[in-house]
Structure formats: structure tokens, C-alpha cells
Amino acid sequence: MHKTALENWQHSHRYEIDYGHGERNTRRVIALTLTMMVIEITAGMLYGSMALLADGWHMGTHAIALGITAFAYAFARRHADNPDYSFGTGKVGVLGGFASAVVLAVIAVIMGAESVLRLFEPRPIRFNEAIGVAVVGLAINLISAYLLMDKHQDHGPKNSGSKISHHHHHDHNLRAAYLHVIADALTSVLAIVALFTGKLFGWAWMDPIMGIVGALIILKWARGLLKDTGRILLDRDVGQETVSEIRAIIEADSDNRVADIHLWRVGPRHLYAILSIVTHFPKPPSHYKDLLRGFGDLIHVTVEVNPCNSAPCTEAGDQAKTSTA
């Protein structure tokens, strides 16, 4: 066995993902959320507002979901160099986003059920106090949403000729946290509307109605996030148009044919590919990797080159030459 150094043929699975912005601001938002949760739940119980109580409950459950987000960031960073993770920890954030989406869906169901109950069992509401607390809650939510905006989205390397470079540059973990605080902001807005109409027109039923409306909207957001993160976790995030584009680039060179191709996402801007190529004129794997170098998201390519020198393969090659002559 030879003793040649292997460093030139090895690469790191530690991706350059800037999670600092999301991780730091998630912690700040958790502190804001927990503070507002205590205020809103207390005020909702004292002033009799279901909309305010719902917003407070959301604050509490969202604090748990934001905790999942913070844990995912810390876990991905801590295990970035762990060889047990064959393709790095790029999907930890996606898994955190999926878990947060499940929590978001549960919140919506509980909120809707409690709101329906309040329709049939209305309670007296102290509108002025409840409105004041709801306005403060909305302000906190808007500040939190600003902190959690994905400012680094789509800042990865781009290539105008590539479809890969223009899609899915999301930090799904941060997106999940952002949706949680936006959901809280929505319930705050609905609570304010419900409380104002109840105060001005005596429509106490608007309070639980707005709770139901908010639950339906939040459930829709949760479904979208589950769908997006689920696709990545199940390795069906990359569309067939991208696969066809890679196939066309490889097959445009010499007489190459792509016999097999696997393409999957392992991080926000990181794709892996395994290609099996059949050709009469085999070249080193580096040649085929160079053909795909323009794809900004494609960070690692494994190429299997199969010389086409068997009888069936040779006959097919002769037919191709005849048809183009």
C-alpha cells in the first residue's frame, strides 16, 4: 500500500454557513417573548379577553419553538466537525424548522378549539386594559420579527446560467422562528380589532371569531413550512429541471451519457451530486467536475466513469455516428 498524502483529494464537510445573526437574535427574541407571555396571560385572565389569552399562550408555545431554533443552531455549530455526520450538520436547521412547524400547527389547533368554546360560553371583557396590553404585545412582536428577518437570504454564489443558484437559499430554522413571531403579531392585530369592535359596537363575539381566523391563518403557514422542510428532509427538494440541466451539460461534452444521477441538498446553499457516466472517450473525473463548476450550490460531486467498450455499447455508438454523418 502506497503512502501518498491524501489531503489533495479530501475536503471538509464543515460548510461556511453564517448562523451568527440568527442564533444571537433568536436568543434576544426568546427573552422578549417570555416577558410578553407573562404580561399577556396575566392581563387576559384579569381582563377576560380570549384574544389576549390566546396571544399570551402563543407567546409561551412560541418561546418553546424558539428554544428549538436556538438548540438547532447550537447543535449544528457544536458538531460541525463531527465525522459521525457524513454530510455535515447542514440539515439540523431544517429539522429544527420542521419541529417548529409541528409546534405551530398544534398551537393553531388549540387556539381554534378554545375560540370555538368561547363562542358558546362568552365571558365579560375589560376592553380598555386589554387593548393596551395587546398594543404592547404587537410592538414586541414587530421588534422580534425585525430581529429575525433572514437578511442573508440568497447571498450565496450565483451563476446566471444555473437554475440551482436561484432557489431555496433559506435558513429554514430562522424562517420557522420568524413565522412564529409573525403569527404572534397576527394574533395581536386580530385581538386589537376584536377588542375595539367589542368596545365600540358591543360585539363581544368578535373576540373568539378573531381567534378562529388567526388559527386558520397560522395553520396555513405551518402547513407551508412543513411542506418545504419535509421535502429537504426526504431528499426531494431538487426539481427534475435541475437534474435535466446537469444531464444536458454533461451529455453536451463528447459522446457522454449520464446513466445515473443523484442530487440532494445538505445545507441552505449546499448540494451534493453522484453521477454515473458512460462514454467511448473516458476522461479523469476532474474533467466532468469542471463542466459543473459554474453551479454555485454544487459543492461536492462524485463521478463514476464507465468506458463504453462492450459490444452493445459499441453498436449504439456506431449507430449514433451513422445518424450524424
C-alpha atoms as a PDB file:
ATOM      1  CA  MET A   1       0.000   0.000   0.000  1.00  0.00           C
ATOM      2  CA  HIS A   2       1.471   3.348  -1.033  1.00  0.00           C
ATOM      3  CA  LYS A   3       1.835   6.184   1.473  1.00  0.00           C
ATOM      4  CA  THR A   4       0.915   9.181  -0.665  1.00  0.00           C
ATOM      5  CA  ALA A   5      -0.609  12.070   1.310  1.00  0.00           C
ATOM      6  CA  LEU A   6      -4.370  12.252   0.690  1.00  0.00           C
ATOM      7  CA  GLU A   7      -5.013  15.896   1.587  1.00  0.00           C
ATOM      8  CA  ASN A   8      -5.293  16.980  -2.063  1.00  0.00           C
ATOM      9  CA  TRP A   9      -8.190  14.546  -2.588  1.00  0.00           C
ATOM     10  CA  GLN A  10     -10.043  15.219   0.646  1.00  0.00           C
ATOM     11  CA  HIS A  11     -12.430  18.008   1.578  1.00  0.00           C
ATOM     12  CA  SER A  12     -14.116  19.265   4.703  1.00  0.00           C
ATOM     13  CA  HIS A  13     -17.808  18.728   5.407  1.00  0.00           C
ATOM     14  CA  ARG A  14     -17.885  21.863   7.531  1.00  0.00           C
ATOM     15  CA  TYR A  15     -19.914  24.334   5.490  1.00  0.00           C
ATOM     16  CA  GLU A  16     -19.414  28.075   5.669  1.00  0.00           C
ATOM     17  CA  ILE A  17     -22.889  28.876   6.974  1.00  0.00           C
ATOM     18  CA  ASP A  18     -23.242  32.152   8.855  1.00  0.00           C
ATOM     19  CA  TYR A  19     -25.660  31.258  11.645  1.00  0.00           C
ATOM     20  CA  GLY A  20     -24.396  34.011  13.958  1.00  0.00           C
ATOM     21  CA  HIS A  21     -27.118  36.507  13.023  1.00  0.00           C
ATOM     22  CA  GLY A  22     -29.933  34.022  13.516  1.00  0.00           C
ATOM     23  CA  GLU A  23     -28.573  32.461  16.696  1.00  0.00           C
ATOM     24  CA  ARG A  24     -27.865  35.747  18.504  1.00  0.00           C
ATOM     25  CA  ASN A  25     -31.179  37.341  17.620  1.00  0.00           C
ATOM     26  CA  THR A  26     -33.147  34.187  18.415  1.00  0.00           C
ATOM     27  CA  ARG A  27     -31.885  34.391  21.992  1.00  0.00           C
ATOM     28  CA  ARG A  28     -32.920  38.040  22.218  1.00  0.00           C
ATOM     29  CA  VAL A  29     -36.370  37.251  20.869  1.00  0.00           C
ATOM     30  CA  ILE A  30     -36.791  34.398  23.373  1.00  0.00           C
ATOM     31  CA  ALA A  31     -36.218  36.869  26.221  1.00  0.00           C
ATOM     32  CA  LEU A  32     -38.728  39.345  24.751  1.00  0.00           C
ATOM     33  CA  THR A  33     -41.261  36.575  24.111  1.00  0.00           C
ATOM     34  CA  LEU A  34     -41.107  35.150  27.627  1.00  0.00           C
ATOM     35  CA  THR A  35     -41.540  38.618  29.157  1.00  0.00           C
ATOM     36  CA  MET A  36     -44.553  39.423  26.988  1.00  0.00           C
ATOM     37  CA  MET A  37     -46.028  35.959  27.585  1.00  0.00           C
ATOM     38  CA  VAL A  38     -46.242  36.600  31.342  1.00  0.00           C
ATOM     39  CA  ILE A  39     -47.776  40.037  30.782  1.00  0.00           C
ATOM     40  CA  GLU A  40     -50.409  38.888  28.273  1.00  0.00           C
ATOM     41  CA  ILE A  41     -51.534  35.738  30.082  1.00  0.00           C
ATOM     42  CA  THR A  42     -51.872  37.675  33.331  1.00  0.00           C
ATOM     43  CA  ALA A  43     -53.760  40.501  31.615  1.00  0.00           C
ATOM     44  CA  GLY A  44     -56.001  38.100  29.704  1.00  0.00           C
ATOM     45  CA  MET A  45     -57.056  36.376  32.907  1.00  0.00           C
ATOM     46  CA  LEU A  46     -57.619  39.671  34.728  1.00  0.00           C
ATOM     47  CA  TYR A  47     -59.490  41.410  31.905  1.00  0.00           C
ATOM     48  CA  GLY A  48     -61.384  38.423  30.480  1.00  0.00           C
ATOM     49  CA  SER A  49     -60.117  38.614  26.872  1.00  0.00           C
ATOM     50  CA  MET A  50     -59.853  35.340  24.943  1.00  0.00           C
ATOM     51  CA  ALA A  51     -57.940  37.076  22.155  1.00  0.00           C
ATOM     52  CA  LEU A  52     -55.415  38.364  24.671  1.00  0.00           C
ATOM     53  CA  LEU A  53     -55.145  34.977  26.400  1.00  0.00           C
ATOM     54  CA  ALA A  54     -54.663  33.291  23.023  1.00  0.00           C
ATOM     55  CA  ASP A  55     -51.872  35.709  22.203  1.00  0.00           C
ATOM     56  CA  GLY A  56     -50.235  35.005  25.560  1.00  0.00           C
ATOM     57  CA  TRP A  57     -50.482  31.246  25.077  1.00  0.00           C
ATOM     58  CA  HIS A  58     -48.939  31.696  21.669  1.00  0.00           C
ATOM     59  CA  MET A  59     -46.106  33.618  23.243  1.00  0.00           C
ATOM     60  CA  GLY A  60     -45.435  30.686  25.594  1.00  0.00           C
ATOM     61  CA  THR A  61     -45.567  27.963  22.963  1.00  0.00           C
ATOM     62  CA  HIS A  62     -43.590  30.101  20.555  1.00  0.00           C
ATOM     63  CA  ALA A  63     -40.942  30.531  23.244  1.00  0.00           C
ATOM     64  CA  ILE A  64     -40.651  26.726  23.257  1.00  0.00           C
ATOM     65  CA  ALA A  65     -40.420  26.687  19.459  1.00  0.00           C
ATOM     66  CA  LEU A  66     -37.806  29.440  19.536  1.00  0.00           C
ATOM     67  CA  GLY A  67     -35.933  27.298  22.050  1.00  0.00           C
ATOM     68  CA  ILE A  68     -35.902  24.535  19.425  1.00  0.00           C
ATOM     69  CA  THR A  69     -34.459  27.046  16.960  1.00  0.00           C
ATOM     70  CA  ALA A  70     -31.721  28.101  19.392  1.00  0.00           C
ATOM     71  CA  PHE A  71     -30.900  24.459  20.195  1.00  0.00           C
ATOM     72  CA  ALA A  72     -30.635  23.592  16.487  1.00  0.00           C
ATOM     73  CA  TYR A  73     -28.159  26.427  15.914  1.00  0.00           C
ATOM     74  CA  ALA A  74     -26.025  25.417  18.896  1.00  0.00           C
ATOM     75  CA  PHE A  75     -26.105  21.720  17.948  1.00  0.00           C
ATOM     76  CA  ALA A  76     -25.134  22.370  14.316  1.00  0.00           C
ATOM     77  CA  ARG A  77     -22.245  24.599  15.381  1.00  0.00           C
ATOM     78  CA  ARG A  78     -21.009  22.218  18.082  1.00  0.00           C
ATOM     79  CA  HIS A  79     -20.990  19.174  15.769  1.00  0.00           C
ATOM     80  CA  ALA A  80     -19.847  20.904  12.585  1.00  0.00           C
ATOM     81  CA  ASP A  81     -16.597  18.896  12.550  1.00  0.00           C
ATOM     82  CA  ASN A  82     -18.051  15.641  13.881  1.00  0.00           C
ATOM     83  CA  PRO A  83     -17.199  12.816  11.409  1.00  0.00           C
ATOM     84  CA  ASP A  84     -20.273  10.887  12.535  1.00  0.00           C
ATOM     85  CA  TYR A  85     -22.331  13.256  10.347  1.00  0.00           C
ATOM     86  CA  SER A  86     -21.424  12.007   6.880  1.00  0.00           C
ATOM     87  CA  PHE A  87     -22.625  15.138   5.095  1.00  0.00           C
ATOM     88  CA  GLY A  88     -22.146  17.662   7.882  1.00  0.00           C
ATOM     89  CA  THR A  89     -24.831  19.283  10.036  1.00  0.00           C
ATOM     90  CA  GLY A  90     -26.427  21.399   7.309  1.00  0.00           C
ATOM     91  CA  LYS A  91     -29.813  19.698   7.759  1.00  0.00           C
ATOM     92  CA  VAL A  92     -30.014  20.297  11.515  1.00  0.00           C
ATOM     93  CA  GLY A  93     -31.533  23.723  10.869  1.00  0.00           C
ATOM     94  CA  VAL A  94     -34.080  22.177   8.507  1.00  0.00           C
ATOM     95  CA  LEU A  95     -35.010  19.610  11.162  1.00  0.00           C
ATOM     96  CA  GLY A  96     -35.408  22.433  13.682  1.00  0.00           C
ATOM     97  CA  GLY A  97     -37.687  24.250  11.251  1.00  0.00           C
ATOM     98  CA  PHE A  98     -39.781  21.103  10.773  1.00  0.00           C
ATOM     99  CA  ALA A  99     -40.158  20.618  14.545  1.00  0.00           C
ATOM    100  CA  SER A 100     -41.130  24.264  14.988  1.00  0.00           C
ATOM    101  CA  ALA A 101     -43.735  23.926  12.241  1.00  0.00           C
ATOM    102  CA  VAL A 102     -45.311  21.000  14.122  1.00  0.00           C
ATOM    103  CA  VAL A 103     -45.483  23.156  17.266  1.00  0.00           C
ATOM    104  CA  LEU A 104     -47.017  25.987  15.219  1.00  0.00           C
ATOM    105  CA  ALA A 105     -49.736  23.649  13.906  1.00  0.00           C
ATOM    106  CA  VAL A 106     -50.544  22.393  17.418  1.00  0.00           C
ATOM    107  CA  ILE A 107     -50.818  26.000  18.623  1.00  0.00           C
ATOM    108  CA  ALA A 108     -53.296  26.792  15.854  1.00  0.00           C
ATOM    109  CA  VAL A 109     -55.498  23.796  16.705  1.00  0.00           C
ATOM    110  CA  ILE A 110     -55.571  24.634  20.429  1.00  0.00           C
ATOM    111  CA  MET A 111     -56.278  28.284  19.688  1.00  0.00           C
ATOM    112  CA  GLY A 112     -59.149  27.405  17.333  1.00  0.00           C
ATOM    113  CA  ALA A 113     -60.701  24.950  19.780  1.00  0.00           C
ATOM    114  CA  GLU A 114     -60.616  27.410  22.684  1.00  0.00           C
ATOM    115  CA  SER A 115     -62.051  30.173  20.494  1.00  0.00           C
ATOM    116  CA  VAL A 116     -64.987  27.973  19.445  1.00  0.00           C
ATOM    117  CA  LEU A 117     -65.638  27.201  23.110  1.00  0.00           C
ATOM    118  CA  ARG A 118     -65.694  30.924  23.916  1.00  0.00           C
ATOM    119  CA  LEU A 119     -68.334  31.466  21.232  1.00  0.00           C
ATOM    120  CA  PHE A 120     -70.748  29.366  23.254  1.00  0.00           C
ATOM    121  CA  GLU A 121     -69.515  30.451  26.670  1.00  0.00           C
ATOM    122  CA  PRO A 122     -68.736  34.196  26.388  1.00  0.00           C
ATOM    123  CA  ARG A 123     -67.062  35.973  29.285  1.00  0.00           C
ATOM    124  CA  PRO A 124     -67.040  39.678  30.247  1.00  0.00           C
ATOM    125  CA  ILE A 125     -64.091  41.661  28.875  1.00  0.00           C
ATOM    126  CA  ARG A 126     -62.416  44.807  30.249  1.00  0.00           C
ATOM    127  CA  PHE A 127     -61.749  46.331  26.858  1.00  0.00           C
ATOM    128  CA  ASN A 128     -59.564  49.352  27.669  1.00  0.00           C
ATOM    129  CA  GLU A 129     -56.979  47.422  29.672  1.00  0.00           C
ATOM    130  CA  ALA A 130     -56.965  44.515  27.224  1.00  0.00           C
ATOM    131  CA  ILE A 131     -56.430  46.846  24.230  1.00  0.00           C
ATOM    132  CA  GLY A 132     -53.444  48.481  25.917  1.00  0.00           C
ATOM    133  CA  VAL A 133     -51.760  45.144  26.560  1.00  0.00           C
ATOM    134  CA  ALA A 134     -52.481  43.932  23.007  1.00  0.00           C
ATOM    135  CA  VAL A 135     -50.839  47.049  21.530  1.00  0.00           C
ATOM    136  CA  VAL A 136     -47.715  46.467  23.633  1.00  0.00           C
ATOM    137  CA  GLY A 137     -47.691  42.827  22.517  1.00  0.00           C
ATOM    138  CA  LEU A 138     -47.895  43.873  18.865  1.00  0.00           C
ATOM    139  CA  ALA A 139     -44.940  46.244  19.296  1.00  0.00           C
ATOM    140  CA  ILE A 140     -42.844  43.475  20.872  1.00  0.00           C
ATOM    141  CA  ASN A 141     -43.758  41.093  18.062  1.00  0.00           C
ATOM    142  CA  LEU A 142     -42.782  43.591  15.361  1.00  0.00           C
ATOM    143  CA  ILE A 143     -39.419  44.193  17.019  1.00  0.00           C
ATOM    144  CA  SER A 144     -38.871  40.430  17.229  1.00  0.00           C
ATOM    145  CA  ALA A 145     -39.842  39.943  13.574  1.00  0.00           C
ATOM    146  CA  TYR A 146     -37.318  42.582  12.526  1.00  0.00           C
ATOM    147  CA  LEU A 147     -34.584  40.856  14.517  1.00  0.00           C
ATOM    148  CA  LEU A 148     -35.386  37.515  12.872  1.00  0.00           C
ATOM    149  CA  MET A 149     -35.587  38.675   9.258  1.00  0.00           C
ATOM    150  CA  ASP A 150     -33.385  36.443   7.094  1.00  0.00           C
ATOM    151  CA  LYS A 151     -31.104  39.235   5.907  1.00  0.00           C
ATOM    152  CA  HIS A 152     -28.623  36.757   4.414  1.00  0.00           C
ATOM    153  CA  GLN A 153     -31.130  35.013   2.155  1.00  0.00           C
ATOM    154  CA  ASP A 154     -29.960  34.483  -1.425  1.00  0.00           C
ATOM    155  CA  HIS A 155     -26.499  35.900  -0.752  1.00  0.00           C
ATOM    156  CA  GLY A 156     -24.762  32.741  -1.926  1.00  0.00           C
ATOM    157  CA  PRO A 157     -22.679  32.436  -5.079  1.00  0.00           C
ATOM    158  CA  LYS A 158     -24.739  32.804  -8.198  1.00  0.00           C
ATOM    159  CA  ASN A 159     -24.429  31.858 -11.827  1.00  0.00           C
ATOM    160  CA  SER A 160     -26.920  33.386 -14.222  1.00  0.00           C
ATOM    161  CA  GLY A 161     -26.992  30.233 -16.339  1.00  0.00           C
ATOM    162  CA  SER A 162     -27.901  27.927 -13.486  1.00  0.00           C
ATOM    163  CA  LYS A 163     -31.292  27.180 -12.046  1.00  0.00           C
ATOM    164  CA  ILE A 164     -29.681  25.770  -8.919  1.00  0.00           C
ATOM    165  CA  SER A 165     -28.306  29.121  -7.816  1.00  0.00           C
ATOM    166  CA  HIS A 166     -31.667  30.823  -7.593  1.00  0.00           C
ATOM    167  CA  HIS A 167     -33.689  28.605  -5.270  1.00  0.00           C
ATOM    168  CA  HIS A 168     -34.002  27.575  -1.627  1.00  0.00           C
ATOM    169  CA  HIS A 169     -31.320  29.812  -0.107  1.00  0.00           C
ATOM    170  CA  HIS A 170     -33.353  29.879   3.100  1.00  0.00           C
ATOM    171  CA  ASP A 171     -32.263  29.302   6.645  1.00  0.00           C
ATOM    172  CA  HIS A 172     -35.351  27.215   7.423  1.00  0.00           C
ATOM    173  CA  ASN A 173     -34.576  27.253  11.121  1.00  0.00           C
ATOM    174  CA  LEU A 174     -34.622  31.066  11.131  1.00  0.00           C
ATOM    175  CA  ARG A 175     -37.679  31.110   8.879  1.00  0.00           C
ATOM    176  CA  ALA A 176     -39.547  28.954  11.390  1.00  0.00           C
ATOM    177  CA  ALA A 177     -38.673  31.349  14.226  1.00  0.00           C
ATOM    178  CA  TYR A 178     -39.722  34.292  12.044  1.00  0.00           C
ATOM    179  CA  LEU A 179     -43.086  32.683  11.276  1.00  0.00           C
ATOM    180  CA  HIS A 180     -43.693  32.125  14.975  1.00  0.00           C
ATOM    181  CA  VAL A 181     -43.300  35.799  15.834  1.00  0.00           C
ATOM    182  CA  ILE A 182     -45.281  36.848  12.747  1.00  0.00           C
ATOM    183  CA  ALA A 183     -48.056  34.516  13.934  1.00  0.00           C
ATOM    184  CA  ASP A 184     -47.929  36.280  17.296  1.00  0.00           C
ATOM    185  CA  ALA A 185     -48.087  39.660  15.575  1.00  0.00           C
ATOM    186  CA  LEU A 186     -51.127  38.492  13.619  1.00  0.00           C
ATOM    187  CA  THR A 187     -52.948  37.358  16.753  1.00  0.00           C
ATOM    188  CA  SER A 188     -52.110  40.707  18.381  1.00  0.00           C
ATOM    189  CA  VAL A 189     -53.625  42.570  15.421  1.00  0.00           C
ATOM    190  CA  LEU A 190     -56.713  40.377  15.478  1.00  0.00           C
ATOM    191  CA  ALA A 191     -57.014  40.844  19.228  1.00  0.00           C
ATOM    192  CA  ILE A 192     -56.878  44.640  18.842  1.00  0.00           C
ATOM    193  CA  VAL A 193     -59.534  44.567  16.093  1.00  0.00           C
ATOM    194  CA  ALA A 194     -61.760  42.286  18.157  1.00  0.00           C
ATOM    195  CA  LEU A 195     -61.404  44.375  21.308  1.00  0.00           C
ATOM    196  CA  PHE A 196     -62.072  47.665  19.521  1.00  0.00           C
ATOM    197  CA  THR A 197     -65.215  46.345  17.792  1.00  0.00           C
ATOM    198  CA  GLY A 198     -66.371  44.848  21.075  1.00  0.00           C
ATOM    199  CA  LYS A 199     -65.865  48.144  22.862  1.00  0.00           C
ATOM    200  CA  LEU A 200     -67.449  50.365  20.179  1.00  0.00           C
ATOM    201  CA  PHE A 201     -70.320  48.170  18.990  1.00  0.00           C
ATOM    202  CA  GLY A 202     -70.766  45.659  21.778  1.00  0.00           C
ATOM    203  CA  TRP A 203     -69.749  42.783  19.506  1.00  0.00           C
ATOM    204  CA  ALA A 204     -68.211  40.548  22.167  1.00  0.00           C
ATOM    205  CA  TRP A 205     -68.430  37.606  19.760  1.00  0.00           C
ATOM    206  CA  MET A 206     -65.719  39.228  17.611  1.00  0.00           C
ATOM    207  CA  ASP A 207     -63.127  38.197  20.197  1.00  0.00           C
ATOM    208  CA  PRO A 208     -63.450  34.412  19.647  1.00  0.00           C
ATOM    209  CA  ILE A 209     -64.142  34.887  15.916  1.00  0.00           C
ATOM    210  CA  MET A 210     -60.791  36.602  15.516  1.00  0.00           C
ATOM    211  CA  GLY A 211     -59.214  33.725  17.452  1.00  0.00           C
ATOM    212  CA  ILE A 212     -60.629  31.267  14.902  1.00  0.00           C
ATOM    213  CA  VAL A 213     -59.455  33.402  11.945  1.00  0.00           C
ATOM    214  CA  GLY A 214     -55.966  33.617  13.412  1.00  0.00           C
ATOM    215  CA  ALA A 215     -55.870  29.856  13.994  1.00  0.00           C
ATOM    216  CA  LEU A 216     -56.728  29.136  10.354  1.00  0.00           C
ATOM    217  CA  ILE A 217     -54.076  31.517   9.021  1.00  0.00           C
ATOM    218  CA  ILE A 218     -51.390  30.138  11.340  1.00  0.00           C
ATOM    219  CA  LEU A 219     -52.335  26.583  10.360  1.00  0.00           C
ATOM    220  CA  LYS A 220     -51.798  27.513   6.716  1.00  0.00           C
ATOM    221  CA  TRP A 221     -48.332  28.926   7.496  1.00  0.00           C
ATOM    222  CA  ALA A 222     -47.438  25.783   9.442  1.00  0.00           C
ATOM    223  CA  ARG A 223     -48.505  23.606   6.520  1.00  0.00           C
ATOM    224  CA  GLY A 224     -46.285  25.567   4.121  1.00  0.00           C
ATOM    225  CA  LEU A 225     -43.261  25.287   6.406  1.00  0.00           C
ATOM    226  CA  LEU A 226     -43.864  21.550   6.949  1.00  0.00           C
ATOM    227  CA  LYS A 227     -44.042  21.056   3.204  1.00  0.00           C
ATOM    228  CA  ASP A 228     -40.833  22.992   2.478  1.00  0.00           C
ATOM    229  CA  THR A 229     -38.741  21.407   5.232  1.00  0.00           C
ATOM    230  CA  GLY A 230     -40.215  17.948   4.660  1.00  0.00           C
ATOM    231  CA  ARG A 231     -39.083  18.000   1.026  1.00  0.00           C
ATOM    232  CA  ILE A 232     -35.490  18.686   2.070  1.00  0.00           C
ATOM    233  CA  LEU A 233     -35.500  16.056   4.821  1.00  0.00           C
ATOM    234  CA  LEU A 234     -36.812  13.465   2.334  1.00  0.00           C
ATOM    235  CA  ASP A 235     -34.258  14.486  -0.335  1.00  0.00           C
ATOM    236  CA  ARG A 236     -36.851  15.582  -2.885  1.00  0.00           C
ATOM    237  CA  ASP A 237     -36.112  19.286  -2.744  1.00  0.00           C
ATOM    238  CA  VAL A 238     -34.219  19.486  -6.036  1.00  0.00           C
ATOM    239  CA  GLY A 239     -36.539  19.553  -9.051  1.00  0.00           C
ATOM    240  CA  GLN A 240     -36.249  17.470 -12.193  1.00  0.00           C
ATOM    241  CA  GLU A 241     -35.483  20.585 -14.247  1.00  0.00           C
ATOM    242  CA  THR A 242     -32.214  20.939 -12.328  1.00  0.00           C
ATOM    243  CA  VAL A 243     -31.389  17.265 -12.854  1.00  0.00           C
ATOM    244  CA  SER A 244     -32.097  17.698 -16.574  1.00  0.00           C
ATOM    245  CA  GLU A 245     -29.864  20.757 -16.717  1.00  0.00           C
ATOM    246  CA  ILE A 246     -26.915  18.883 -15.214  1.00  0.00           C
ATOM    247  CA  ARG A 247     -27.556  15.932 -17.527  1.00  0.00           C
ATOM    248  CA  ALA A 248     -27.609  18.230 -20.574  1.00  0.00           C
ATOM    249  CA  ILE A 249     -24.286  19.863 -19.642  1.00  0.00           C
ATOM    250  CA  ILE A 250     -22.549  16.512 -19.202  1.00  0.00           C
ATOM    251  CA  GLU A 251     -24.033  14.984 -22.361  1.00  0.00           C
ATOM    252  CA  ALA A 252     -23.160  18.042 -24.459  1.00  0.00           C
ATOM    253  CA  ASP A 253     -19.480  17.128 -23.961  1.00  0.00           C
ATOM    254  CA  SER A 254     -18.064  14.439 -26.278  1.00  0.00           C
ATOM    255  CA  ASP A 255     -20.390  11.395 -26.505  1.00  0.00           C
ATOM    256  CA  ASN A 256     -21.108  11.240 -22.771  1.00  0.00           C
ATOM    257  CA  ARG A 257     -24.312   9.669 -21.500  1.00  0.00           C
ATOM    258  CA  VAL A 258     -25.480  10.009 -17.915  1.00  0.00           C
ATOM    259  CA  ALA A 259     -26.598   6.542 -16.798  1.00  0.00           C
ATOM    260  CA  ASP A 260     -27.491   7.534 -13.250  1.00  0.00           C
ATOM    261  CA  ILE A 261     -27.680  10.761 -11.244  1.00  0.00           C
ATOM    262  CA  HIS A 262     -28.476  11.542  -7.607  1.00  0.00           C
ATOM    263  CA  LEU A 263     -28.801  15.128  -6.405  1.00  0.00           C
ATOM    264  CA  TRP A 264     -29.735  16.259  -2.901  1.00  0.00           C
ATOM    265  CA  ARG A 265     -29.494  19.241  -0.557  1.00  0.00           C
ATOM    266  CA  VAL A 266     -27.371  19.040   2.598  1.00  0.00           C
ATOM    267  CA  GLY A 267     -27.479  22.710   3.641  1.00  0.00           C
ATOM    268  CA  PRO A 268     -29.045  26.089   2.783  1.00  0.00           C
ATOM    269  CA  ARG A 269     -26.737  26.595  -0.214  1.00  0.00           C
ATOM    270  CA  HIS A 270     -25.129  23.183  -0.489  1.00  0.00           C
ATOM    271  CA  LEU A 271     -25.916  20.423  -2.980  1.00  0.00           C
ATOM    272  CA  TYR A 272     -24.259  17.029  -3.411  1.00  0.00           C
ATOM    273  CA  ALA A 273     -24.291  15.023  -6.642  1.00  0.00           C
ATOM    274  CA  ILE A 274     -23.359  11.482  -7.638  1.00  0.00           C
ATOM    275  CA  LEU A 275     -23.063  10.848 -11.386  1.00  0.00           C
ATOM    276  CA  SER A 276     -22.530   7.658 -13.363  1.00  0.00           C
ATOM    277  CA  ILE A 277     -21.251   8.484 -16.868  1.00  0.00           C
ATOM    278  CA  VAL A 278     -20.858   6.165 -19.868  1.00  0.00           C
ATOM    279  CA  THR A 279     -18.542   7.275 -22.695  1.00  0.00           C
ATOM    280  CA  HIS A 280     -16.349   5.982 -25.522  1.00  0.00           C
ATOM    281  CA  PHE A 281     -13.708   8.550 -24.611  1.00  0.00           C
ATOM    282  CA  PRO A 282     -13.300   8.429 -20.828  1.00  0.00           C
ATOM    283  CA  LYS A 283     -11.525  11.292 -19.100  1.00  0.00           C
ATOM    284  CA  PRO A 284     -10.482  11.792 -15.469  1.00  0.00           C
ATOM    285  CA  PRO A 285     -13.316  12.577 -13.037  1.00  0.00           C
ATOM    286  CA  SER A 286     -11.915  16.088 -12.628  1.00  0.00           C
ATOM    287  CA  HIS A 287     -12.870  16.832 -16.247  1.00  0.00           C
ATOM    288  CA  TYR A 288     -16.558  16.192 -15.587  1.00  0.00           C
ATOM    289  CA  LYS A 289     -16.457  18.103 -12.300  1.00  0.00           C
ATOM    290  CA  ASP A 290     -15.025  21.095 -14.162  1.00  0.00           C
ATOM    291  CA  LEU A 291     -18.016  21.020 -16.519  1.00  0.00           C
ATOM    292  CA  LEU A 292     -20.277  21.632 -13.493  1.00  0.00           C
ATOM    293  CA  ARG A 293     -18.057  24.153 -11.720  1.00  0.00           C
ATOM    294  CA  GLY A 294     -20.391  27.045 -12.611  1.00  0.00           C
ATOM    295  CA  PHE A 295     -23.158  25.746 -10.348  1.00  0.00           C
ATOM    296  CA  GLY A 296     -22.791  27.826  -7.201  1.00  0.00           C
ATOM    297  CA  ASP A 297     -24.716  25.432  -4.941  1.00  0.00           C
ATOM    298  CA  LEU A 298     -22.992  22.261  -6.119  1.00  0.00           C
ATOM    299  CA  ILE A 299     -20.194  21.913  -3.560  1.00  0.00           C
ATOM    300  CA  HIS A 300     -19.326  18.232  -3.939  1.00  0.00           C
ATOM    301  CA  VAL A 301     -19.575  15.911  -6.955  1.00  0.00           C
ATOM    302  CA  THR A 302     -18.718  12.204  -7.081  1.00  0.00           C
ATOM    303  CA  VAL A 303     -18.227  10.880 -10.614  1.00  0.00           C
ATOM    304  CA  GLU A 304     -18.153   7.277 -11.809  1.00  0.00           C
ATOM    305  CA  VAL A 305     -16.754   6.975 -15.361  1.00  0.00           C
ATOM    306  CA  ASN A 306     -17.629   3.806 -17.278  1.00  0.00           C
ATOM    307  CA  PRO A 307     -15.705   3.168 -20.544  1.00  0.00           C
ATOM    308  CA  CYS A 308     -18.108   2.217 -23.290  1.00  0.00           C
ATOM    309  CA  ASN A 309     -16.239  -0.657 -24.978  1.00  0.00           C
ATOM    310  CA  SER A 310     -18.669  -3.569 -24.734  1.00  0.00           C
ATOM    311  CA  ALA A 311     -20.437  -4.890 -27.816  1.00  0.00           C
ATOM    312  CA  PRO A 312     -23.910  -3.401 -27.152  1.00  0.00           C
ATOM    313  CA  CYS A 313     -22.362  -0.097 -26.222  1.00  0.00           C
ATOM    314  CA  THR A 314     -20.121  -0.031 -29.301  1.00  0.00           C
ATOM    315  CA  GLU A 315     -23.062  -0.820 -31.590  1.00  0.00           C
ATOM    316  CA  ALA A 316     -25.025   2.025 -30.059  1.00  0.00           C
ATOM    317  CA  GLY A 317     -22.062   4.357 -30.571  1.00  0.00           C
ATOM    318  CA  ASP A 318     -21.732   3.294 -34.251  1.00  0.00           C
ATOM    319  CA  GLN A 319     -25.441   3.953 -34.808  1.00  0.00           C
ATOM    320  CA  ALA A 320     -25.087   7.412 -33.297  1.00  0.00           C
ATOM    321  CA  LYS A 321     -22.127   8.192 -35.580  1.00  0.00           C
ATOM    322  CA  THR A 322     -24.061   6.961 -38.653  1.00  0.00           C
ATOM    323  CA  SER A 323     -27.106   9.068 -37.812  1.00  0.00           C
ATOM    324  CA  THR A 324     -24.993  12.227 -37.552  1.00  0.00           C
ATOM    325  CA  ALA A 325     -22.914  11.562 -40.667  1.00  0.00           C
END
